[in-house]
Amino acid sequence: MEEKIKISMLLQIYGKLLTKKQYEFVDYYYNEDLSLSEIAENQNITRQAVREILEKSKKKLEEYEEKVMFYSKINKVNLILDKLETNNKKEIQKIRKILND
């Protein structure tokens, strides 16, 4: 489950760098929870072709993260915010809103 969430977040951050088809397939699989077979049937391609597109797309997203590390930085900031939240709730909520927009 954690992997699905990570890929979904990477798609949100770096998705515009993928092709339209790559973006759609990753979105279908990780966000809309469609199976490989369902995507293949909807797109009139083989299940193996869907798997290959997803693997290539996932690899690209991970390469972008490896270079930019935006997802990693967001996670680190959120951990710090979690620790600070008890004393500075309103300010922390403002920061979280900025991070999530």
Protein backbone atom coordinates (compact mmCIF):
# COMPACT_ATOMS: atom_id res chain seq x y z
CA MET A 1 0.00 0.00 0.00
CA GLU A 2 2.81 2.39 0.87
CA GLU A 3 4.28 1.94 -2.62
CA LYS A 4 0.97 2.90 -4.23
CA ILE A 5 0.78 6.07 -2.16
CA LYS A 6 4.35 7.01 -3.03
CA ILE A 7 3.81 6.52 -6.78
CA SER A 8 0.55 8.46 -6.58
CA MET A 9 2.37 11.33 -4.88
CA LEU A 10 5.22 11.22 -7.40
CA LEU A 11 2.62 11.39 -10.16
CA GLN A 12 1.11 14.47 -8.55
CA ILE A 13 4.54 16.12 -8.35
CA TYR A 14 6.18 15.01 -11.61
CA GLY A 15 3.26 13.76 -13.70
CA LYS A 16 3.41 16.62 -16.19
CA LEU A 17 6.85 15.38 -17.22
CA LEU A 18 5.40 12.08 -18.46
CA THR A 19 3.68 11.60 -21.78
CA LYS A 20 -0.09 11.88 -21.78
CA LYS A 21 -0.45 8.10 -22.14
CA GLN A 22 2.03 7.38 -19.35
CA TYR A 23 0.25 9.84 -17.06
CA GLU A 24 -3.16 8.33 -17.79
CA PHE A 25 -2.03 4.74 -17.25
CA VAL A 26 -0.32 5.54 -13.94
CA ASP A 27 -3.38 7.49 -12.85
CA TYR A 28 -5.71 4.62 -13.79
CA TYR A 29 -3.60 2.05 -11.97
CA TYR A 30 -2.47 3.91 -8.85
CA ASN A 31 -5.28 6.43 -8.30
CA GLU A 32 -8.37 4.88 -9.85
CA ASP A 33 -7.32 1.36 -8.81
CA LEU A 34 -7.96 -0.23 -12.21
CA SER A 35 -6.27 -3.57 -12.86
CA LEU A 36 -3.85 -4.18 -15.71
CA SER A 37 -6.56 -6.16 -17.48
CA GLU A 38 -9.11 -3.37 -17.09
CA ILE A 39 -6.73 -0.77 -18.47
CA ALA A 40 -5.75 -3.08 -21.33
CA GLU A 41 -9.37 -3.71 -22.24
CA ASN A 42 -10.26 0.00 -22.09
CA GLN A 43 -7.26 0.93 -24.25
CA ASN A 44 -7.51 -2.02 -26.66
CA ILE A 45 -3.95 -3.17 -25.95
CA THR A 46 -2.43 -6.20 -24.24
CA ARG A 47 -2.03 -6.56 -20.52
CA GLN A 48 1.73 -6.88 -21.08
CA ALA A 49 1.81 -3.55 -22.93
CA VAL A 50 0.08 -1.89 -19.98
CA ARG A 51 2.61 -3.43 -17.58
CA GLU A 52 5.52 -2.16 -19.69
CA ILE A 53 4.09 1.37 -19.86
CA LEU A 54 3.53 1.38 -16.10
CA GLU A 55 7.03 0.09 -15.37
CA LYS A 56 8.64 2.66 -17.67
CA SER A 57 6.51 5.44 -16.18
CA LYS A 58 7.25 4.38 -12.61
CA LYS A 59 10.96 4.30 -13.41
CA LYS A 60 10.77 7.81 -14.88
CA LEU A 61 8.96 9.16 -11.81
CA GLU A 62 11.56 7.60 -9.53
CA GLU A 63 14.39 9.07 -11.65
CA TYR A 64 12.85 12.53 -11.38
CA GLU A 65 12.56 12.13 -7.62
CA GLU A 66 16.15 10.90 -7.38
CA LYS A 67 17.34 14.09 -9.09
CA VAL A 68 14.97 16.69 -7.60
CA MET A 69 14.06 15.03 -4.28
CA PHE A 70 10.94 17.14 -3.85
CA TYR A 71 8.86 14.26 -2.45
CA SER A 72 11.59 13.46 0.06
CA LYS A 73 11.80 17.10 1.14
CA ILE A 74 8.03 17.31 1.58
CA ASN A 75 8.12 14.22 3.80
CA LYS A 76 10.91 15.67 5.94
CA VAL A 77 9.05 18.96 6.34
CA ASN A 78 5.85 17.11 7.28
CA LEU A 79 7.69 15.14 9.98
CA ILE A 80 9.01 18.36 11.47
CA LEU A 81 5.56 19.95 11.26
CA ASP A 82 4.04 16.96 13.05
CA LYS A 83 6.41 17.56 15.97
CA LEU A 84 5.66 21.29 16.07
CA GLU A 85 1.92 21.06 15.59
CA THR A 86 0.95 20.83 19.26
CA ASN A 87 2.29 24.31 20.05
CA ASN A 88 1.70 26.17 16.78
CA LYS A 89 -1.43 24.63 15.31
CA LYS A 90 -2.69 27.59 13.20
CA GLU A 91 0.71 28.38 11.71
CA ILE A 92 1.34 24.72 10.93
CA GLN A 93 -2.04 24.43 9.21
CA LYS A 94 -1.11 27.40 6.99
CA ILE A 95 2.18 25.73 6.04
CA ARG A 96 0.45 22.41 5.30
CA LYS A 97 -2.06 24.22 3.06
CA ILE A 98 0.80 25.78 1.10
CA LEU A 99 2.51 22.38 0.72
CA ASN A 100 -0.69 20.71 -0.46
CA ASP A 101 -1.74 23.36 -3.00
